PDB file of all heavy atoms in Angstrom:
ATOM      1  N   LEU A   1     107.904  92.396 212.631  1.00  0.00           N
ATOM      2  CA  LEU A   1     109.024  92.190 211.727  1.00  0.00           C
ATOM      3  C   LEU A   1     110.194  91.514 212.440  1.00  0.00           C
ATOM      4  O   LEU A   1     111.095  90.992 211.800  1.00  0.00           O
ATOM      5  CB  LEU A   1     109.478  93.521 211.138  1.00  0.00           C
ATOM      6  CG  LEU A   1     108.461  94.216 210.242  1.00  0.00           C
ATOM      7  CD1 LEU A   1     108.997  95.573 209.802  1.00  0.00           C
ATOM      8  CD2 LEU A   1     108.121  93.375 209.038  1.00  0.00           C
ATOM      9  N   LEU A   2     110.209  91.567 213.771  1.00  0.00           N
ATOM     10  CA  LEU A   2     111.325  91.005 214.526  1.00  0.00           C
ATOM     11  C   LEU A   2     111.096  89.558 214.936  1.00  0.00           C
ATOM     12  O   LEU A   2     112.052  88.808 215.114  1.00  0.00           O
ATOM     13  CB  LEU A   2     111.589  91.858 215.779  1.00  0.00           C
ATOM     14  CG  LEU A   2     111.897  93.334 215.508  1.00  0.00           C
ATOM     15  CD1 LEU A   2     112.020  94.086 216.830  1.00  0.00           C
ATOM     16  CD2 LEU A   2     113.157  93.470 214.689  1.00  0.00           C
ATOM     17  N   LEU A   3     109.820  89.140 215.083  1.00  0.00           N
ATOM     18  CA  LEU A   3     109.501  87.784 215.527  1.00  0.00           C
ATOM     19  C   LEU A   3     108.708  87.060 214.459  1.00  0.00           C
ATOM     20  O   LEU A   3     107.914  87.664 213.737  1.00  0.00           O
ATOM     21  CB  LEU A   3     108.696  87.829 216.831  1.00  0.00           C
ATOM     22  CG  LEU A   3     109.333  88.555 218.020  1.00  0.00           C
ATOM     23  CD1 LEU A   3     108.362  88.616 219.165  1.00  0.00           C
ATOM     24  CD2 LEU A   3     110.612  87.866 218.433  1.00  0.00           C
ATOM     25  N   ASN A   4     108.887  85.730 214.386  1.00  0.00           N
ATOM     26  CA  ASN A   4     108.109  84.938 213.445  1.00  0.00           C
ATOM     27  C   ASN A   4     106.781  84.532 214.084  1.00  0.00           C
ATOM     28  O   ASN A   4     106.462  84.950 215.198  1.00  0.00           O
ATOM     29  CB  ASN A   4     108.910  83.729 212.949  1.00  0.00           C
ATOM     30  CG  ASN A   4     109.265  82.758 214.068  1.00  0.00           C
ATOM     31  OD1 ASN A   4     108.718  82.815 215.169  1.00  0.00           O
ATOM     32  ND2 ASN A   4     110.184  81.865 213.771  1.00  0.00           N
ATOM     33  N   ALA A   5     105.989  83.681 213.404  1.00  0.00           N
ATOM     34  CA  ALA A   5     104.673  83.291 213.900  1.00  0.00           C
ATOM     35  C   ALA A   5     104.752  82.504 215.207  1.00  0.00           C
ATOM     36  O   ALA A   5     103.804  82.496 215.990  1.00  0.00           O
ATOM     37  CB  ALA A   5     103.940  82.475 212.843  1.00  0.00           C
ATOM     38  N   ALA A   6     105.865  81.838 215.477  1.00  0.00           N
ATOM     39  CA  ALA A   6     106.039  81.069 216.706  1.00  0.00           C
ATOM     40  C   ALA A   6     106.557  81.937 217.856  1.00  0.00           C
ATOM     41  O   ALA A   6     106.757  81.444 218.961  1.00  0.00           O
ATOM     42  CB  ALA A   6     106.991  79.897 216.465  1.00  0.00           C
ATOM     43  N   GLY A   7     106.791  83.219 217.613  1.00  0.00           N
ATOM     44  CA  GLY A   7     107.269  84.115 218.649  1.00  0.00           C
ATOM     45  C   GLY A   7     108.773  84.087 218.846  1.00  0.00           C
ATOM     46  O   GLY A   7     109.291  84.620 219.813  1.00  0.00           O
ATOM     47  N   GLN A   8     109.487  83.455 217.918  1.00  0.00           N
ATOM     48  CA  GLN A   8     110.944  83.373 218.009  1.00  0.00           C
ATOM     49  C   GLN A   8     111.566  84.443 217.111  1.00  0.00           C
ATOM     50  O   GLN A   8     110.949  84.869 216.130  1.00  0.00           O
ATOM     51  CB  GLN A   8     111.412  81.980 217.573  1.00  0.00           C
ATOM     52  CG  GLN A   8     110.829  80.880 218.436  1.00  0.00           C
ATOM     53  CD  GLN A   8     110.981  79.518 217.767  1.00  0.00           C
ATOM     54  OE1 GLN A   8     111.234  79.415 216.588  1.00  0.00           O
ATOM     55  NE2 GLN A   8     110.805  78.473 218.569  1.00  0.00           N
ATOM     56  N   PRO A   9     112.786  84.892 217.434  1.00  0.00           N
ATOM     57  CA  PRO A   9     113.438  85.902 216.587  1.00  0.00           C
ATOM     58  C   PRO A   9     113.632  85.400 215.154  1.00  0.00           C
ATOM     59  O   PRO A   9     113.941  84.231 214.934  1.00  0.00           O
ATOM     60  CB  PRO A   9     114.788  86.125 217.270  1.00  0.00           C
ATOM     61  CG  PRO A   9     114.617  85.615 218.656  1.00  0.00           C
ATOM     62  CD  PRO A   9     113.579  84.539 218.608  1.00  0.00           C
ATOM     63  N   ARG A  10     113.407  86.287 214.190  1.00  0.00           N
ATOM     64  CA  ARG A  10     113.563  85.917 212.772  1.00  0.00           C
ATOM     65  C   ARG A  10     115.037  85.769 212.433  1.00  0.00           C
ATOM     66  O   ARG A  10     115.873  86.505 212.922  1.00  0.00           O
ATOM     67  CB  ARG A  10     112.944  86.977 211.874  1.00  0.00           C
ATOM     68  CG  ARG A  10     111.445  87.050 212.004  1.00  0.00           C
ATOM     69  CD  ARG A  10     110.899  87.995 210.931  1.00  0.00           C
ATOM     70  NE  ARG A  10     109.481  88.155 211.078  1.00  0.00           N
ATOM     71  CZ  ARG A  10     108.568  87.377 210.500  1.00  0.00           C
ATOM     72  NH1 ARG A  10     108.953  86.388 209.722  1.00  0.00           N
ATOM     73  NH2 ARG A  10     107.287  87.590 210.686  1.00  0.00           N
ATOM     74  N   LYS A  11     115.330  84.820 211.546  1.00  0.00           N
ATOM     75  CA  LYS A  11     116.703  84.584 211.112  1.00  0.00           C
ATOM     76  C   LYS A  11     117.055  85.454 209.908  1.00  0.00           C
ATOM     77  O   LYS A  11     118.202  85.790 209.710  1.00  0.00           O
ATOM     78  CB  LYS A  11     116.896  83.106 210.762  1.00  0.00           C
ATOM     79  CG  LYS A  11     116.751  82.212 211.973  1.00  0.00           C
ATOM     80  CD  LYS A  11     116.890  80.768 211.603  1.00  0.00           C
ATOM     81  CE  LYS A  11     116.676  79.902 212.836  1.00  0.00           C
ATOM     82  NZ  LYS A  11     116.619  78.497 212.513  1.00  0.00           N
ATOM     83  N   GLU A  12     116.068  85.772 209.087  1.00  0.00           N
ATOM     84  CA  GLU A  12     116.324  86.608 207.922  1.00  0.00           C
ATOM     85  C   GLU A  12     115.374  87.794 207.909  1.00  0.00           C
ATOM     86  O   GLU A  12     114.351  87.791 208.579  1.00  0.00           O
ATOM     87  CB  GLU A  12     116.170  85.803 206.629  1.00  0.00           C
ATOM     88  CG  GLU A  12     114.788  85.306 206.403  1.00  0.00           C
ATOM     89  CD  GLU A  12     114.726  83.795 206.265  1.00  0.00           C
ATOM     90  OE1 GLU A  12     115.717  83.108 206.491  1.00  0.00           O
ATOM     91  OE2 GLU A  12     113.652  83.326 205.941  1.00  0.00           O
ATOM     92  N   LYS A  13     115.712  88.795 207.124  1.00  0.00           N
ATOM     93  CA  LYS A  13     114.939  90.020 207.034  1.00  0.00           C
ATOM     94  C   LYS A  13     113.636  89.763 206.277  1.00  0.00           C
ATOM     95  O   LYS A  13     113.606  89.003 205.309  1.00  0.00           O
ATOM     96  CB  LYS A  13     115.777  91.082 206.309  1.00  0.00           C
ATOM     97  CG  LYS A  13     115.161  92.438 206.295  1.00  0.00           C
ATOM     98  CD  LYS A  13     116.097  93.432 205.628  1.00  0.00           C
ATOM     99  CE  LYS A  13     115.440  94.789 205.555  1.00  0.00           C
ATOM    100  NZ  LYS A  13     116.281  95.761 204.877  1.00  0.00           N
ATOM    101  N   VAL A  14     112.562  90.402 206.685  1.00  0.00           N
ATOM    102  CA  VAL A  14     111.270  90.253 206.032  1.00  0.00           C
ATOM    103  C   VAL A  14     111.238  91.117 204.786  1.00  0.00           C
ATOM    104  O   VAL A  14     111.555  92.301 204.837  1.00  0.00           O
ATOM    105  CB  VAL A  14     110.126  90.668 206.988  1.00  0.00           C
ATOM    106  CG1 VAL A  14     108.787  90.595 206.277  1.00  0.00           C
ATOM    107  CG2 VAL A  14     110.120  89.796 208.213  1.00  0.00           C
ATOM    108  N   ARG A  15     110.879  90.501 203.654  1.00  0.00           N
ATOM    109  CA  ARG A  15     110.764  91.239 202.398  1.00  0.00           C
ATOM    110  C   ARG A  15     109.320  91.672 202.215  1.00  0.00           C
ATOM    111  O   ARG A  15     108.423  90.842 202.129  1.00  0.00           O
ATOM    112  CB  ARG A  15     111.191  90.369 201.228  1.00  0.00           C
ATOM    113  CG  ARG A  15     112.678  90.123 201.188  1.00  0.00           C
ATOM    114  CD  ARG A  15     113.089  89.295 200.007  1.00  0.00           C
ATOM    115  NE  ARG A  15     112.264  89.546 198.842  1.00  0.00           N
ATOM    116  CZ  ARG A  15     112.243  88.807 197.762  1.00  0.00           C
ATOM    117  NH1 ARG A  15     113.006  87.758 197.675  1.00  0.00           N
ATOM    118  NH2 ARG A  15     111.460  89.098 196.752  1.00  0.00           N
ATOM    119  N   LEU A  16     109.085  92.956 202.161  1.00  0.00           N
ATOM    120  CA  LEU A  16     107.744  93.478 201.953  1.00  0.00           C
ATOM    121  C   LEU A  16     107.404  93.451 200.467  1.00  0.00           C
ATOM    122  O   LEU A  16     108.266  93.715 199.626  1.00  0.00           O
ATOM    123  CB  LEU A  16     107.637  94.913 202.463  1.00  0.00           C
ATOM    124  CG  LEU A  16     107.711  95.101 203.972  1.00  0.00           C
ATOM    125  CD1 LEU A  16     107.708  96.585 204.309  1.00  0.00           C
ATOM    126  CD2 LEU A  16     106.558  94.414 204.658  1.00  0.00           C
ATOM    127  N   PRO A  17     106.146  93.142 200.123  1.00  0.00           N
ATOM    128  CA  PRO A  17     105.756  93.199 198.718  1.00  0.00           C
ATOM    129  C   PRO A  17     105.880  94.625 198.188  1.00  0.00           C
ATOM    130  O   PRO A  17     105.758  95.590 198.942  1.00  0.00           O
ATOM    131  CB  PRO A  17     104.294  92.751 198.725  1.00  0.00           C
ATOM    132  CG  PRO A  17     103.993  92.286 200.086  1.00  0.00           C
ATOM    133  CD  PRO A  17     105.081  92.722 200.993  1.00  0.00           C
ATOM    134  N   SER A  18     106.090  94.742 196.884  1.00  0.00           N
ATOM    135  CA  SER A  18     106.279  96.059 196.285  1.00  0.00           C
ATOM    136  C   SER A  18     105.044  96.929 196.435  1.00  0.00           C
ATOM    137  O   SER A  18     105.145  98.148 196.501  1.00  0.00           O
ATOM    138  CB  SER A  18     106.667  95.929 194.820  1.00  0.00           C
ATOM    139  OG  SER A  18     105.657  95.223 194.129  1.00  0.00           O
ATOM    140  N   SER A  19     103.845  96.318 196.516  1.00  0.00           N
ATOM    141  CA  SER A  19     102.631  97.113 196.681  1.00  0.00           C
ATOM    142  C   SER A  19     102.615  97.832 198.021  1.00  0.00           C
ATOM    143  O   SER A  19     102.059  98.913 198.147  1.00  0.00           O
ATOM    144  CB  SER A  19     101.396  96.227 196.541  1.00  0.00           C
ATOM    145  OG  SER A  19     101.419  95.209 197.522  1.00  0.00           O
ATOM    146  N   LEU A  20     103.237  97.243 199.048  1.00  0.00           N
ATOM    147  CA  LEU A  20     103.306  97.891 200.356  1.00  0.00           C
ATOM    148  C   LEU A  20     104.455  98.888 200.435  1.00  0.00           C
ATOM    149  O   LEU A  20     104.465  99.761 201.289  1.00  0.00           O
ATOM    150  CB  LEU A  20     103.472  96.857 201.469  1.00  0.00           C
ATOM    151  CG  LEU A  20     102.289  95.911 201.675  1.00  0.00           C
ATOM    152  CD1 LEU A  20     102.601  94.913 202.769  1.00  0.00           C
ATOM    153  CD2 LEU A  20     101.036  96.677 201.996  1.00  0.00           C
ATOM    154  N   GLN A  21     105.425  98.772 199.562  1.00  0.00           N
ATOM    155  CA  GLN A  21     106.550  99.693 199.551  1.00  0.00           C
ATOM    156  C   GLN A  21     106.251 100.957 198.759  1.00  0.00           C
ATOM    157  O   GLN A  21     107.057 101.865 198.700  1.00  0.00           O
ATOM    158  CB  GLN A  21     107.794  99.018 198.956  1.00  0.00           C
ATOM    159  CG  GLN A  21     108.315  97.881 199.800  1.00  0.00           C
ATOM    160  CD  GLN A  21     109.481  97.180 199.128  1.00  0.00           C
ATOM    161  OE1 GLN A  21     109.847  97.490 197.998  1.00  0.00           O
ATOM    162  NE2 GLN A  21     110.069  96.236 199.818  1.00  0.00           N
ATOM    163  N   GLY A  22     105.087 101.016 198.110  1.00  0.00           N
ATOM    164  CA  GLY A  22     104.702 102.210 197.376  1.00  0.00           C
ATOM    165  C   GLY A  22     105.202 102.262 195.954  1.00  0.00           C
ATOM    166  O   GLY A  22     105.146 103.275 195.304  1.00  0.00           O
ATOM    167  N   ARG A  23     105.707 101.147 195.432  1.00  0.00           N
ATOM    168  CA  ARG A  23     106.138 101.125 194.039  1.00  0.00           C
ATOM    169  C   ARG A  23     105.590  99.871 193.385  1.00  0.00           C
ATOM    170  O   ARG A  23     105.243  98.904 194.043  1.00  0.00           O
ATOM    171  CB  ARG A  23     107.651 101.175 193.927  1.00  0.00           C
ATOM    172  CG  ARG A  23     108.352 100.025 194.594  1.00  0.00           C
ATOM    173  CD  ARG A  23     109.869 100.176 194.474  1.00  0.00           C
ATOM    174  NE  ARG A  23     110.521  99.144 195.235  1.00  0.00           N
ATOM    175  CZ  ARG A  23     110.790  97.924 194.775  1.00  0.00           C
ATOM    176  NH1 ARG A  23     110.469  97.589 193.555  1.00  0.00           N
ATOM    177  NH2 ARG A  23     111.386  97.034 195.543  1.00  0.00           N
ATOM    178  N   LYS A  24     105.517  99.900 192.069  1.00  0.00           N
ATOM    179  CA  LYS A  24     104.989  98.756 191.350  1.00  0.00           C
ATOM    180  C   LYS A  24     106.090  98.135 190.520  1.00  0.00           C
ATOM    181  O   LYS A  24     106.889  98.843 189.913  1.00  0.00           O
ATOM    182  CB  LYS A  24     103.850  99.186 190.436  1.00  0.00           C
ATOM    183  CG  LYS A  24     102.620  99.591 191.197  1.00  0.00           C
ATOM    184  CD  LYS A  24     101.401  99.484 190.341  1.00  0.00           C
ATOM    185  CE  LYS A  24     101.088 100.783 189.687  1.00  0.00           C
ATOM    186  NZ  LYS A  24      99.894 100.771 188.902  1.00  0.00           N
ATOM    187  N   PRO A  25     106.141  96.800 190.475  1.00  0.00           N
ATOM    188  CA  PRO A  25     107.146  96.159 189.642  1.00  0.00           C
ATOM    189  C   PRO A  25     106.804  96.310 188.162  1.00  0.00           C
ATOM    190  O   PRO A  25     105.639  96.393 187.797  1.00  0.00           O
ATOM    191  CB  PRO A  25     107.077  94.694 190.069  1.00  0.00           C
ATOM    192  CG  PRO A  25     105.693  94.517 190.583  1.00  0.00           C
ATOM    193  CD  PRO A  25     105.295  95.849 191.171  1.00  0.00           C
TER     194      PRO A  25
END
């Protein structure tokens, strides 16, 4: 969650899909 695919620090927060958060839209 802290690094992107290139191994650099992420600029914005990662949004998890609602299915992984335990709730349904």
